[in-house]
Protein backbone atom coordinates (compact mmCIF):
# COMPACT_ATOMS: atom_id res chain seq x y z
CA UNK A 1 -18.22 17.32 2.93
CA UNK A 2 -15.73 16.60 0.11
CA UNK A 3 -15.15 12.84 -0.73
CA UNK A 4 -11.61 13.07 0.89
CA UNK A 5 -12.51 14.88 4.12
CA UNK A 6 -14.29 11.70 5.96
CA UNK A 7 -13.31 9.25 8.85
CA UNK A 8 -12.71 5.72 7.82
CA UNK A 9 -15.64 3.30 8.10
CA UNK A 10 -15.61 -0.16 8.54
CA UNK A 11 -15.06 -1.19 5.07
CA UNK A 12 -12.15 1.17 4.90
CA UNK A 13 -10.63 -0.72 7.82
CA UNK A 14 -11.29 -4.45 6.15
CA UNK A 15 -9.58 -2.89 2.82
CA UNK A 16 -6.48 -1.80 4.91
CA UNK A 17 -6.33 -5.05 6.69
CA UNK A 18 -6.13 -7.12 3.13
CA UNK A 19 -4.00 -4.69 1.67
CA UNK A 20 -1.68 -4.97 4.66
CA UNK A 21 -0.83 -8.54 3.75
CA UNK A 22 -0.16 -7.51 -0.07
CA UNK A 23 -3.58 -8.20 -1.78
CA UNK A 24 -4.48 -6.00 -4.54
CA UNK A 25 -7.66 -4.25 -5.45
CA UNK A 26 -9.27 -6.83 -7.38
CA UNK A 27 -8.52 -9.75 -4.68
CA UNK A 28 -9.25 -7.39 -1.85
CA UNK A 29 -12.84 -7.04 -3.80
CA UNK A 30 -13.46 -10.69 -4.25
CA UNK A 31 -12.54 -11.19 -0.49
CA UNK A 32 -15.34 -8.57 0.43
CA UNK A 33 -17.86 -9.36 -2.33
CA UNK A 34 -17.48 -5.69 -3.78
CA UNK A 35 -16.80 -4.34 -7.27
CA UNK A 36 -13.27 -3.58 -7.90
CA UNK A 37 -13.91 -0.21 -9.12
CA UNK A 38 -15.21 0.63 -5.48
CA UNK A 39 -12.06 -0.57 -3.70
CA UNK A 40 -9.95 1.27 -6.24
CA UNK A 41 -11.48 4.50 -5.63
CA UNK A 42 -11.29 3.78 -1.52
CA UNK A 43 -7.61 2.95 -2.13
CA UNK A 44 -6.85 6.76 -3.31
CA UNK A 45 -8.28 8.17 -0.14
CA UNK A 46 -5.29 9.82 1.68
CA UNK A 47 -6.56 8.75 5.36
CA UNK A 48 -7.00 5.21 4.11
CA UNK A 49 -3.24 5.20 2.60
CA UNK A 50 -1.84 6.34 5.61
CA UNK A 51 -3.91 3.57 7.93
CA UNK A 52 -2.42 0.96 5.49
CA UNK A 53 0.99 2.36 5.87
CA UNK A 54 0.93 2.35 9.44
CA UNK A 55 -0.04 -1.00 9.39
CA UNK A 56 2.33 -2.18 7.45
CA UNK A 57 5.02 -0.61 9.46
CA UNK A 58 3.46 -2.00 12.54
CA UNK A 59 3.90 -5.43 10.90
CA UNK A 60 7.21 -5.03 9.68
CA UNK A 61 8.66 -3.80 13.07
CA UNK A 62 6.82 -6.83 14.68
CA UNK A 63 8.61 -9.09 12.48
CA UNK A 64 11.86 -7.23 12.45
CA UNK A 65 11.94 -7.77 16.25
CA UNK A 66 11.11 -11.21 16.21
CA UNK A 67 13.83 -11.97 13.42
CA UNK A 68 16.32 -9.80 15.29
CA UNK A 69 15.58 -11.91 18.81
CA UNK A 70 15.90 -15.47 16.83
CA UNK A 71 19.04 -14.24 15.32
CA UNK A 72 20.37 -13.31 18.42
CA UNK A 73 19.57 -16.90 20.01
CA UNK A 74 20.98 -18.82 17.35
CA UNK A 75 24.27 -16.98 17.34
CA UNK A 76 24.47 -17.38 21.20
CA UNK A 77 23.23 -21.10 20.39
CA UNK A 78 26.39 -21.43 17.95
CA UNK A 79 28.86 -19.71 20.28
CA UNK A 80 27.92 -22.50 23.16
CA UNK A 81 28.59 -25.23 20.47
CA UNK A 82 31.64 -24.01 19.72
CA UNK A 83 32.93 -23.39 23.08
CA UNK A 84 31.73 -26.88 24.20
CA UNK A 85 33.62 -28.53 21.30
């Protein structure tokens, strides 16, 4: 089995979680109690990279939707205040 032809294991999902929130390889290694070269090596796995990108897209989509809702409510409130003087 090639080292890139494997499924993600629990450690990979933990790395994806921390990476999604902007931690770099050495910060992730400290959080997980692993050596930073182990984390760096895993970060070069295409499947893990795809998982990280998927999670980031979900996160950005969620925050984007919340921001759009907030802006819409703020504009409605502003228009209401202008109408009421």
